[in-house]
Amino acid sequence: MPIRGGTSLSMTAKTTRLHHRNLPLLLLQARERVISHFRPILNVNGVTEQQWRIVRVLYEKPSLEPREIVELCRISSPSMAGVLARMEELGLVARQRLKHDQRRVRVSLTRRARAMAARMAPQIDATYRRIERQIGEEFSERFQQALDQLLATLEAHEPGRRPARADRDSGDKDDASLRGGTRGALQQELLEVERP
């Protein structure tokens, strides 16, 4: 049956067919399979996946500003405000205003949260070892390297990202895309397989 401009429905179906597998969905499915191994540990300790992401980041770094936690944990700013408020109520984090700028705060783990993370660490490590036995240590290493490469490559070619000076200087100086360019937004990463 013809549609606008005499194009048939069958022709339209062919031209709009998707030719690639759904990579974001595959990554989501992989993430769900991986996190399902860790969820029982989180449940027993009474923390959500988002809370554990924050605990893990702050366990490795003494203190961070909320915007830094947003970036590292891939949690939106509106959600982060609520998660941090709840964690403060639970006695997991403490917030302290910066002396030189009272509008800014730094977040750190409480002693209770550090003790909890230390208690969970052996269970988390044991779970990683079990997963590595299932999929193979060599594959696990290659897969993580591939994810690192994927993230770095896509970040370097992020839409709206201004090329680095070396890249701009090496190209055609008259190219409008090099003369114009917009500043890249905050770093965006693909949803990666979560490492709790």
N, C-alpha and C. Protein backbone atom coordinates (compact mmCIF):
# COMPACT_ATOMS: atom_id res chain seq x y z
N MET A 1 0.84 -1.17 0.00
CA MET A 1 0.00 0.00 0.00
C MET A 1 0.89 1.24 0.00
N PRO A 2 0.70 2.16 -1.00
CA PRO A 2 1.57 3.32 -1.07
C PRO A 2 1.30 4.28 0.08
N ILE A 3 2.34 4.93 0.52
CA ILE A 3 2.18 5.99 1.51
C ILE A 3 2.81 7.24 0.94
N ARG A 4 3.04 8.27 1.73
CA ARG A 4 3.53 9.54 1.22
C ARG A 4 4.60 9.38 0.17
N GLY A 5 4.46 10.10 -0.95
CA GLY A 5 5.48 10.08 -1.98
C GLY A 5 5.54 8.77 -2.73
N GLY A 6 4.52 7.92 -2.60
CA GLY A 6 4.49 6.67 -3.35
C GLY A 6 5.36 5.58 -2.77
N THR A 7 5.93 5.76 -1.55
CA THR A 7 6.77 4.73 -0.93
C THR A 7 5.88 3.68 -0.29
N SER A 8 6.19 2.42 -0.50
CA SER A 8 5.36 1.35 0.06
C SER A 8 5.75 1.07 1.50
N LEU A 9 4.83 0.45 2.24
CA LEU A 9 5.11 0.10 3.63
C LEU A 9 6.26 -0.89 3.72
N SER A 10 6.31 -1.85 2.77
CA SER A 10 7.38 -2.86 2.82
C SER A 10 8.74 -2.21 2.62
N MET A 11 8.80 -1.18 1.75
CA MET A 11 10.05 -0.49 1.52
C MET A 11 10.49 0.26 2.78
N THR A 12 9.50 0.89 3.43
CA THR A 12 9.81 1.63 4.66
C THR A 12 10.33 0.69 5.73
N ALA A 13 9.73 -0.48 5.86
CA ALA A 13 10.17 -1.45 6.86
C ALA A 13 11.62 -1.85 6.61
N LYS A 14 11.99 -2.03 5.35
CA LYS A 14 13.36 -2.44 5.04
C LYS A 14 14.35 -1.33 5.39
N THR A 15 13.99 -0.09 5.05
CA THR A 15 14.95 1.00 5.27
C THR A 15 15.09 1.35 6.75
N THR A 16 14.09 1.02 7.58
CA THR A 16 14.17 1.37 9.00
C THR A 16 14.58 0.19 9.87
N ARG A 17 14.92 -0.92 9.28
CA ARG A 17 15.30 -2.09 10.06
C ARG A 17 16.57 -1.81 10.87
N LEU A 18 16.61 -2.31 12.09
CA LEU A 18 17.80 -2.14 12.93
C LEU A 18 18.77 -3.29 12.66
N HIS A 19 20.02 -2.95 12.40
CA HIS A 19 21.00 -3.95 11.98
C HIS A 19 21.98 -4.37 13.09
N HIS A 20 21.92 -3.71 14.24
CA HIS A 20 22.86 -4.03 15.31
C HIS A 20 22.12 -4.57 16.52
N ARG A 21 22.79 -5.39 17.29
CA ARG A 21 22.21 -5.84 18.55
C ARG A 21 22.10 -4.65 19.49
N ASN A 22 21.18 -4.72 20.45
CA ASN A 22 20.92 -3.63 21.37
C ASN A 22 21.99 -3.63 22.47
N LEU A 23 23.09 -2.90 22.22
CA LEU A 23 24.22 -2.90 23.15
C LEU A 23 23.84 -2.39 24.54
N PRO A 24 23.09 -1.28 24.66
CA PRO A 24 22.70 -0.85 26.01
C PRO A 24 21.92 -1.92 26.76
N LEU A 25 21.04 -2.63 26.05
CA LEU A 25 20.27 -3.69 26.70
C LEU A 25 21.17 -4.85 27.12
N LEU A 26 22.12 -5.23 26.27
CA LEU A 26 23.06 -6.29 26.63
C LEU A 26 23.85 -5.92 27.88
N LEU A 27 24.28 -4.67 27.96
CA LEU A 27 25.04 -4.23 29.13
C LEU A 27 24.16 -4.24 30.38
N LEU A 28 22.89 -3.85 30.22
CA LEU A 28 21.96 -3.90 31.36
C LEU A 28 21.74 -5.34 31.83
N GLN A 29 21.60 -6.27 30.86
CA GLN A 29 21.40 -7.67 31.21
C GLN A 29 22.63 -8.23 31.92
N ALA A 30 23.82 -7.87 31.41
CA ALA A 30 25.06 -8.33 32.05
C ALA A 30 25.17 -7.76 33.46
N ARG A 31 24.83 -6.48 33.61
CA ARG A 31 24.89 -5.85 34.93
C ARG A 31 23.96 -6.57 35.91
N GLU A 32 22.75 -6.89 35.46
CA GLU A 32 21.78 -7.54 36.33
C GLU A 32 22.27 -8.92 36.75
N ARG A 33 22.87 -9.66 35.80
CA ARG A 33 23.39 -11.00 36.14
C ARG A 33 24.51 -10.88 37.18
N VAL A 34 25.36 -9.88 37.01
CA VAL A 34 26.49 -9.72 37.95
C VAL A 34 26.01 -9.26 39.32
N ILE A 35 25.16 -8.23 39.34
CA ILE A 35 24.74 -7.69 40.64
C ILE A 35 23.91 -8.69 41.42
N SER A 36 23.26 -9.62 40.74
CA SER A 36 22.45 -10.62 41.45
C SER A 36 23.31 -11.47 42.38
N HIS A 37 24.60 -11.62 42.07
CA HIS A 37 25.51 -12.37 42.95
C HIS A 37 25.83 -11.60 44.22
N PHE A 38 25.77 -10.26 44.14
CA PHE A 38 26.15 -9.42 45.28
C PHE A 38 24.95 -8.97 46.10
N ARG A 39 23.76 -9.02 45.51
CA ARG A 39 22.56 -8.49 46.17
C ARG A 39 22.31 -9.13 47.54
N PRO A 40 22.48 -10.46 47.71
CA PRO A 40 22.25 -11.05 49.05
C PRO A 40 23.15 -10.43 50.13
N ILE A 41 24.39 -10.12 49.77
CA ILE A 41 25.32 -9.50 50.75
C ILE A 41 24.81 -8.12 51.13
N LEU A 42 24.35 -7.36 50.14
CA LEU A 42 23.84 -6.01 50.41
C LEU A 42 22.59 -6.09 51.28
N ASN A 43 21.70 -7.04 50.97
CA ASN A 43 20.45 -7.17 51.72
C ASN A 43 20.70 -7.51 53.18
N VAL A 44 21.62 -8.43 53.42
CA VAL A 44 21.92 -8.84 54.80
C VAL A 44 22.46 -7.66 55.60
N ASN A 45 23.20 -6.78 54.93
CA ASN A 45 23.80 -5.63 55.61
C ASN A 45 22.91 -4.39 55.57
N GLY A 46 21.72 -4.52 54.98
CA GLY A 46 20.76 -3.43 55.01
C GLY A 46 21.10 -2.21 54.17
N VAL A 47 21.83 -2.42 53.08
CA VAL A 47 22.15 -1.30 52.20
C VAL A 47 21.61 -1.57 50.79
N THR A 48 21.22 -0.51 50.12
CA THR A 48 20.75 -0.63 48.75
C THR A 48 21.96 -0.62 47.81
N GLU A 49 21.68 -0.92 46.54
CA GLU A 49 22.77 -0.91 45.55
C GLU A 49 23.38 0.48 45.42
N GLN A 50 22.53 1.52 45.40
CA GLN A 50 23.05 2.89 45.30
C GLN A 50 23.88 3.25 46.53
N GLN A 51 23.38 2.88 47.72
CA GLN A 51 24.13 3.18 48.94
C GLN A 51 25.47 2.47 48.95
N TRP A 52 25.50 1.22 48.48
CA TRP A 52 26.76 0.49 48.46
C TRP A 52 27.76 1.12 47.49
N ARG A 53 27.27 1.61 46.34
CA ARG A 53 28.15 2.29 45.40
C ARG A 53 28.85 3.47 46.08
N ILE A 54 28.06 4.22 46.86
CA ILE A 54 28.62 5.39 47.55
C ILE A 54 29.58 4.95 48.66
N VAL A 55 29.18 3.93 49.43
CA VAL A 55 30.06 3.42 50.50
C VAL A 55 31.38 2.95 49.90
N ARG A 56 31.31 2.21 48.80
CA ARG A 56 32.54 1.68 48.21
C ARG A 56 33.47 2.79 47.73
N VAL A 57 32.90 3.80 47.07
CA VAL A 57 33.72 4.92 46.59
C VAL A 57 34.36 5.67 47.76
N LEU A 58 33.56 5.93 48.82
CA LEU A 58 34.10 6.67 49.96
C LEU A 58 35.01 5.82 50.84
N TYR A 59 34.91 4.51 50.72
CA TYR A 59 35.81 3.62 51.44
C TYR A 59 37.22 3.72 50.86
N GLU A 60 37.29 4.02 49.56
CA GLU A 60 38.58 4.10 48.88
C GLU A 60 39.11 5.53 48.82
N LYS A 61 38.23 6.52 49.01
CA LYS A 61 38.65 7.94 49.02
C LYS A 61 38.12 8.55 50.32
N PRO A 62 38.97 9.29 51.04
CA PRO A 62 38.57 9.77 52.37
C PRO A 62 37.28 10.58 52.37
N SER A 63 37.15 11.55 51.46
CA SER A 63 35.93 12.35 51.40
C SER A 63 35.80 12.94 50.00
N LEU A 64 34.55 13.20 49.62
CA LEU A 64 34.27 13.74 48.29
C LEU A 64 33.12 14.71 48.38
N GLU A 65 33.05 15.61 47.41
CA GLU A 65 31.88 16.48 47.30
C GLU A 65 30.78 15.71 46.58
N PRO A 66 29.51 16.05 46.85
CA PRO A 66 28.40 15.33 46.20
C PRO A 66 28.52 15.26 44.69
N ARG A 67 28.96 16.34 44.04
CA ARG A 67 29.08 16.34 42.57
C ARG A 67 30.10 15.29 42.11
N GLU A 68 31.14 15.07 42.92
CA GLU A 68 32.14 14.05 42.58
C GLU A 68 31.55 12.66 42.74
N ILE A 69 30.72 12.48 43.78
CA ILE A 69 30.07 11.18 43.99
C ILE A 69 29.09 10.90 42.86
N VAL A 70 28.35 11.93 42.43
CA VAL A 70 27.44 11.80 41.30
C VAL A 70 28.18 11.25 40.10
N GLU A 71 29.34 11.83 39.82
CA GLU A 71 30.12 11.45 38.64
C GLU A 71 30.67 10.03 38.76
N LEU A 72 31.20 9.69 39.92
CA LEU A 72 31.83 8.38 40.10
C LEU A 72 30.81 7.25 40.23
N CYS A 73 29.67 7.54 40.83
CA CYS A 73 28.67 6.50 41.10
C CYS A 73 27.56 6.43 40.06
N ARG A 74 27.54 7.38 39.12
CA ARG A 74 26.51 7.40 38.08
C ARG A 74 25.11 7.44 38.69
N ILE A 75 24.92 8.34 39.64
CA ILE A 75 23.62 8.58 40.25
C ILE A 75 23.27 10.03 39.95
N SER A 76 22.05 10.29 39.51
CA SER A 76 21.67 11.65 39.15
C SER A 76 21.69 12.56 40.37
N SER A 77 21.92 13.87 40.15
CA SER A 77 21.98 14.83 41.25
C SER A 77 20.71 14.84 42.11
N PRO A 78 19.51 14.86 41.49
CA PRO A 78 18.30 14.84 42.33
C PRO A 78 18.22 13.59 43.21
N SER A 79 18.56 12.44 42.64
CA SER A 79 18.53 11.19 43.42
C SER A 79 19.59 11.21 44.51
N MET A 80 20.78 11.75 44.18
CA MET A 80 21.89 11.78 45.13
C MET A 80 21.51 12.51 46.41
N ALA A 81 20.81 13.63 46.28
CA ALA A 81 20.41 14.40 47.47
C ALA A 81 19.59 13.53 48.42
N GLY A 82 18.64 12.78 47.87
CA GLY A 82 17.80 11.92 48.69
C GLY A 82 18.57 10.74 49.29
N VAL A 83 19.45 10.14 48.49
CA VAL A 83 20.22 8.98 48.96
C VAL A 83 21.15 9.41 50.10
N LEU A 84 21.83 10.53 49.93
CA LEU A 84 22.75 11.00 50.98
C LEU A 84 22.00 11.37 52.26
N ALA A 85 20.81 11.98 52.11
CA ALA A 85 20.01 12.33 53.29
C ALA A 85 19.62 11.06 54.06
N ARG A 86 19.21 10.03 53.32
CA ARG A 86 18.83 8.76 53.96
C ARG A 86 20.05 8.10 54.62
N MET A 87 21.20 8.15 53.95
CA MET A 87 22.40 7.55 54.52
C MET A 87 22.86 8.29 55.77
N GLU A 88 22.64 9.60 55.78
CA GLU A 88 22.98 10.38 56.98
C GLU A 88 22.06 9.98 58.13
N GLU A 89 20.79 9.78 57.85
CA GLU A 89 19.84 9.33 58.87
C GLU A 89 20.24 7.97 59.43
N LEU A 90 20.76 7.10 58.56
CA LEU A 90 21.17 5.75 58.98
C LEU A 90 22.54 5.74 59.67
N GLY A 91 23.19 6.89 59.72
CA GLY A 91 24.50 6.97 60.36
C GLY A 91 25.62 6.39 59.51
N LEU A 92 25.44 6.42 58.18
CA LEU A 92 26.46 5.87 57.29
C LEU A 92 27.42 6.94 56.74
N VAL A 93 26.92 8.16 56.58
CA VAL A 93 27.78 9.24 56.09
C VAL A 93 27.64 10.48 56.96
N ALA A 94 28.65 11.32 56.92
CA ALA A 94 28.62 12.62 57.59
C ALA A 94 28.97 13.68 56.57
N ARG A 95 28.30 14.82 56.66
CA ARG A 95 28.58 15.92 55.74
C ARG A 95 29.18 17.09 56.52
N GLN A 96 30.18 17.71 55.92
CA GLN A 96 30.84 18.83 56.58
C GLN A 96 31.03 19.97 55.58
N ARG A 97 30.63 21.16 55.96
CA ARG A 97 30.78 22.31 55.07
C ARG A 97 32.24 22.73 54.98
N LEU A 98 32.63 23.17 53.79
CA LEU A 98 34.01 23.64 53.60
C LEU A 98 34.16 25.01 54.25
N LYS A 99 35.28 25.22 54.95
CA LYS A 99 35.49 26.48 55.66
C LYS A 99 35.55 27.66 54.72
N HIS A 100 36.21 27.47 53.57
CA HIS A 100 36.41 28.60 52.65
C HIS A 100 35.20 28.86 51.75
N ASP A 101 34.21 27.93 51.75
CA ASP A 101 33.01 28.10 50.94
C ASP A 101 31.87 27.33 51.59
N GLN A 102 31.06 28.04 52.35
CA GLN A 102 29.99 27.41 53.13
C GLN A 102 28.89 26.79 52.28
N ARG A 103 28.89 27.11 50.97
CA ARG A 103 27.88 26.51 50.08
C ARG A 103 28.26 25.08 49.71
N ARG A 104 29.52 24.72 49.88
CA ARG A 104 29.99 23.40 49.47
C ARG A 104 30.19 22.49 50.68
N VAL A 105 29.94 21.19 50.48
CA VAL A 105 30.14 20.21 51.55
C VAL A 105 30.99 19.05 51.05
N ARG A 106 31.61 18.39 51.98
CA ARG A 106 32.32 17.15 51.68
C ARG A 106 31.65 16.03 52.46
N VAL A 107 31.56 14.89 51.82
CA VAL A 107 30.89 13.73 52.42
C VAL A 107 31.94 12.68 52.75
N SER A 108 31.82 12.09 53.91
CA SER A 108 32.73 11.01 54.30
C SER A 108 31.94 9.92 55.02
N LEU A 109 32.53 8.74 55.10
CA LEU A 109 31.89 7.64 55.82
C LEU A 109 32.04 7.82 57.31
N THR A 110 31.04 7.37 58.04
CA THR A 110 31.15 7.34 59.49
C THR A 110 31.96 6.10 59.89
N ARG A 111 32.33 6.06 61.15
CA ARG A 111 33.06 4.88 61.65
C ARG A 111 32.22 3.61 61.48
N ARG A 112 30.91 3.76 61.70
CA ARG A 112 30.01 2.61 61.54
C ARG A 112 30.03 2.08 60.11
N ALA A 113 29.98 2.99 59.13
CA ALA A 113 29.98 2.58 57.72
C ALA A 113 31.31 1.94 57.34
N ARG A 114 32.40 2.47 57.85
CA ARG A 114 33.72 1.88 57.54
C ARG A 114 33.82 0.47 58.11
N ALA A 115 33.29 0.28 59.30
CA ALA A 115 33.29 -1.05 59.91
C ALA A 115 32.44 -2.01 59.09
N MET A 116 31.30 -1.53 58.60
CA MET A 116 30.43 -2.36 57.77
C MET A 116 31.13 -2.74 56.47
N ALA A 117 31.79 -1.77 55.82
CA ALA A 117 32.50 -2.05 54.56
C ALA A 117 33.63 -3.05 54.78
N ALA A 118 34.34 -2.90 55.90
CA ALA A 118 35.43 -3.84 56.21
C ALA A 118 34.88 -5.24 56.45
N ARG A 119 33.70 -5.31 57.07
CA ARG A 119 33.07 -6.61 57.33
C ARG A 119 32.58 -7.25 56.02
N MET A 120 32.10 -6.43 55.09
CA MET A 120 31.58 -6.93 53.82
C MET A 120 32.69 -7.30 52.83
N ALA A 121 33.84 -6.67 52.96
CA ALA A 121 34.91 -6.82 51.96
C ALA A 121 35.27 -8.28 51.67
N PRO A 122 35.47 -9.13 52.70
CA PRO A 122 35.82 -10.53 52.39
C PRO A 122 34.72 -11.25 51.62
N GLN A 123 33.46 -10.95 51.93
CA GLN A 123 32.34 -11.58 51.22
C GLN A 123 32.28 -11.11 49.77
N ILE A 124 32.52 -9.82 49.56
CA ILE A 124 32.54 -9.26 48.20
C ILE A 124 33.66 -9.90 47.39
N ASP A 125 34.86 -9.97 47.99
CA ASP A 125 36.00 -10.57 47.30
C ASP A 125 35.74 -12.05 46.97
N ALA A 126 35.14 -12.76 47.91
CA ALA A 126 34.83 -14.17 47.68
C ALA A 126 33.85 -14.33 46.53
N THR A 127 32.90 -13.40 46.42
CA THR A 127 31.93 -13.44 45.33
C THR A 127 32.61 -13.20 43.99
N TYR A 128 33.54 -12.24 43.97
CA TYR A 128 34.30 -12.01 42.73
C TYR A 128 35.08 -13.26 42.33
N ARG A 129 35.69 -13.92 43.31
CA ARG A 129 36.46 -15.13 43.00
C ARG A 129 35.55 -16.23 42.44
N ARG A 130 34.34 -16.34 43.00
CA ARG A 130 33.39 -17.33 42.51
C ARG A 130 32.97 -17.03 41.07
N ILE A 131 32.71 -15.76 40.77
CA ILE A 131 32.35 -15.38 39.41
C ILE A 131 33.52 -15.67 38.46
N GLU A 132 34.74 -15.36 38.89
CA GLU A 132 35.91 -15.61 38.04
C GLU A 132 36.09 -17.10 37.77
N ARG A 133 35.76 -17.92 38.76
CA ARG A 133 35.85 -19.37 38.53
C ARG A 133 34.82 -19.80 37.49
N GLN A 134 33.65 -19.18 37.52
CA GLN A 134 32.57 -19.54 36.59
C GLN A 134 32.88 -19.09 35.16
N ILE A 135 33.40 -17.90 34.99
CA ILE A 135 33.62 -17.37 33.64
C ILE A 135 35.07 -17.47 33.20
N GLY A 136 35.96 -17.79 34.13
CA GLY A 136 37.38 -17.89 33.81
C GLY A 136 38.10 -16.59 34.15
N GLU A 137 39.21 -16.71 34.86
CA GLU A 137 39.96 -15.53 35.29
C GLU A 137 40.48 -14.73 34.10
N GLU A 138 40.95 -15.46 33.08
CA GLU A 138 41.50 -14.78 31.90
C GLU A 138 40.41 -13.99 31.17
N PHE A 139 39.23 -14.61 31.01
CA PHE A 139 38.12 -13.91 30.36
C PHE A 139 37.70 -12.69 31.18
N SER A 140 37.64 -12.85 32.50
CA SER A 140 37.26 -11.75 33.37
C SER A 140 38.19 -10.56 33.18
N GLU A 141 39.49 -10.84 33.12
CA GLU A 141 40.48 -9.77 32.93
C GLU A 141 40.32 -9.10 31.58
N ARG A 142 40.15 -9.93 30.53
CA ARG A 142 39.98 -9.38 29.17
C ARG A 142 38.71 -8.55 29.07
N PHE A 143 37.65 -9.03 29.71
CA PHE A 143 36.36 -8.34 29.65
C PHE A 143 36.45 -6.97 30.32
N GLN A 144 37.10 -6.92 31.48
CA GLN A 144 37.24 -5.64 32.18
C GLN A 144 38.11 -4.67 31.38
N GLN A 145 39.15 -5.20 30.74
CA GLN A 145 39.99 -4.35 29.89
C GLN A 145 39.19 -3.83 28.70
N ALA A 146 38.33 -4.69 28.13
CA ALA A 146 37.50 -4.27 27.00
C ALA A 146 36.52 -3.18 27.42
N LEU A 147 35.94 -3.31 28.62
CA LEU A 147 35.03 -2.29 29.12
C LEU A 147 35.77 -0.96 29.33
N ASP A 148 36.98 -1.03 29.90
CA ASP A 148 37.78 0.19 30.09
C ASP A 148 38.05 0.86 28.75
N GLN A 149 38.40 0.05 27.76
CA GLN A 149 38.70 0.59 26.43
C GLN A 149 37.44 1.20 25.79
N LEU A 150 36.31 0.50 25.95
CA LEU A 150 35.05 1.00 25.41
C LEU A 150 34.69 2.35 26.01
N LEU A 151 34.78 2.46 27.33
CA LEU A 151 34.44 3.70 28.01
C LEU A 151 35.37 4.84 27.59
N ALA A 152 36.67 4.55 27.55
CA ALA A 152 37.64 5.59 27.19
C ALA A 152 37.45 6.05 25.75
N THR A 153 37.20 5.10 24.84
CA THR A 153 37.04 5.45 23.43
C THR A 153 35.77 6.25 23.21
N LEU A 154 34.66 5.82 23.80
CA LEU A 154 33.40 6.54 23.62
C LEU A 154 33.45 7.91 24.29
N GLU A 155 34.15 8.02 25.41
CA GLU A 155 34.29 9.32 26.06
C GLU A 155 35.06 10.29 25.16
N ALA A 156 36.11 9.78 24.52
CA ALA A 156 36.93 10.63 23.64
C ALA A 156 36.15 11.11 22.43
N HIS A 157 35.14 10.33 22.02
CA HIS A 157 34.34 10.68 20.84
C HIS A 157 32.90 11.05 21.22
N GLU A 158 32.74 11.53 22.44
CA GLU A 158 31.41 11.87 22.94
C GLU A 158 30.80 13.00 22.11
N PRO A 159 29.53 12.88 21.72
CA PRO A 159 28.88 13.96 20.96
C PRO A 159 28.95 15.28 21.72
N GLY A 160 29.33 16.34 21.02
CA GLY A 160 29.43 17.66 21.65
C GLY A 160 30.74 17.91 22.35
N ARG A 161 31.60 16.89 22.40
CA ARG A 161 32.89 17.06 23.07
C ARG A 161 33.85 17.79 22.14
N ARG A 162 34.51 18.80 22.65
CA ARG A 162 35.46 19.56 21.85
C ARG A 162 36.75 18.76 21.72
N PRO A 163 37.30 18.63 20.50
CA PRO A 163 38.54 17.87 20.34
C PRO A 163 39.66 18.48 21.15
N ALA A 164 40.59 17.63 21.62
CA ALA A 164 41.76 18.11 22.35
C ALA A 164 42.59 19.01 21.43
N ARG A 165 43.39 19.91 22.02
CA ARG A 165 44.16 20.85 21.21
C ARG A 165 45.04 20.14 20.19
N ALA A 166 45.67 19.05 20.60
CA ALA A 166 46.55 18.33 19.67
C ALA A 166 45.76 17.84 18.46
N ASP A 167 44.53 17.36 18.71
CA ASP A 167 43.68 16.90 17.61
C ASP A 167 43.29 18.06 16.71
N ARG A 168 42.96 19.22 17.33
CA ARG A 168 42.54 20.36 16.53
C ARG A 168 43.69 20.87 15.68
N ASP A 169 44.89 20.95 16.28
CA ASP A 169 46.03 21.49 15.56
C ASP A 169 46.47 20.61 14.41
N SER A 170 46.23 19.30 14.52
CA SER A 170 46.69 18.39 13.48
C SER A 170 45.77 18.37 12.27
N GLY A 171 44.55 18.92 12.41
CA GLY A 171 43.59 18.88 11.31
C GLY A 171 43.64 20.12 10.45
N ASP A 172 42.66 20.28 9.58
CA ASP A 172 42.54 21.41 8.68
C ASP A 172 42.12 22.62 9.49
N LYS A 173 42.94 23.69 9.50
CA LYS A 173 42.65 24.87 10.31
C LYS A 173 41.39 25.59 9.84
N ASP A 174 40.99 25.39 8.57
CA ASP A 174 39.82 26.08 8.05
C ASP A 174 38.53 25.31 8.30
N ASP A 175 38.64 24.12 8.86
CA ASP A 175 37.47 23.31 9.10
C ASP A 175 36.59 23.99 10.15
N ALA A 176 35.33 24.27 9.78
CA ALA A 176 34.43 24.99 10.69
C ALA A 176 34.22 24.23 11.99
N SER A 177 34.23 22.90 11.92
CA SER A 177 33.99 22.12 13.15
C SER A 177 35.13 22.30 14.14
N LEU A 178 36.35 22.61 13.63
CA LEU A 178 37.47 22.83 14.54
C LEU A 178 37.46 24.26 15.07
N ARG A 179 36.99 25.21 14.26
CA ARG A 179 36.95 26.59 14.71
C ARG A 179 35.83 26.80 15.72
N GLY A 180 34.72 26.07 15.51
CA GLY A 180 33.57 26.24 16.41
C GLY A 180 33.74 25.36 17.62
N GLY A 181 32.93 24.35 17.66
CA GLY A 181 33.05 23.39 18.77
C GLY A 181 32.42 23.92 20.03
N THR A 182 31.85 23.04 20.82
CA THR A 182 31.25 23.43 22.09
C THR A 182 31.95 22.67 23.18
N ARG A 183 31.90 23.22 24.36
CA ARG A 183 32.51 22.51 25.49
C ARG A 183 31.70 21.27 25.81
N GLY A 184 32.39 20.19 26.07
CA GLY A 184 31.70 18.95 26.41
C GLY A 184 30.96 19.08 27.73
N ALA A 185 29.87 18.37 27.85
CA ALA A 185 29.13 18.36 29.12
C ALA A 185 29.89 17.50 30.10
N LEU A 186 29.33 17.29 31.28
CA LEU A 186 29.97 16.40 32.25
C LEU A 186 30.17 15.03 31.63
N GLN A 187 31.25 14.38 32.02
CA GLN A 187 31.59 13.06 31.45
C GLN A 187 30.41 12.12 31.57
N GLN A 188 30.06 11.48 30.42
CA GLN A 188 28.98 10.49 30.40
C GLN A 188 29.59 9.13 30.11
N GLU A 189 29.22 8.11 30.86
CA GLU A 189 29.72 6.77 30.63
C GLU A 189 28.56 5.86 30.30
N LEU A 190 28.84 4.82 29.50
CA LEU A 190 27.84 3.78 29.33
C LEU A 190 27.61 3.12 30.67
N LEU A 191 26.41 2.60 30.84
CA LEU A 191 26.13 1.85 32.05
C LEU A 191 26.99 0.62 32.03
N GLU A 192 27.93 0.53 32.99
CA GLU A 192 28.86 -0.57 32.97
C GLU A 192 28.42 -1.66 33.93
N VAL A 193 29.02 -2.76 33.73
CA VAL A 193 28.78 -3.83 34.68
C VAL A 193 29.23 -3.33 36.04
N GLU A 194 28.33 -3.31 36.98
CA GLU A 194 28.64 -2.71 38.28
C GLU A 194 29.63 -3.54 39.04
N ARG A 195 30.65 -2.84 39.55
CA ARG A 195 31.56 -3.49 40.49
C ARG A 195 31.25 -2.93 41.85
N PRO A 196 30.51 -3.65 42.64
CA PRO A 196 30.07 -3.13 43.95
C PRO A 196 31.24 -2.70 44.81
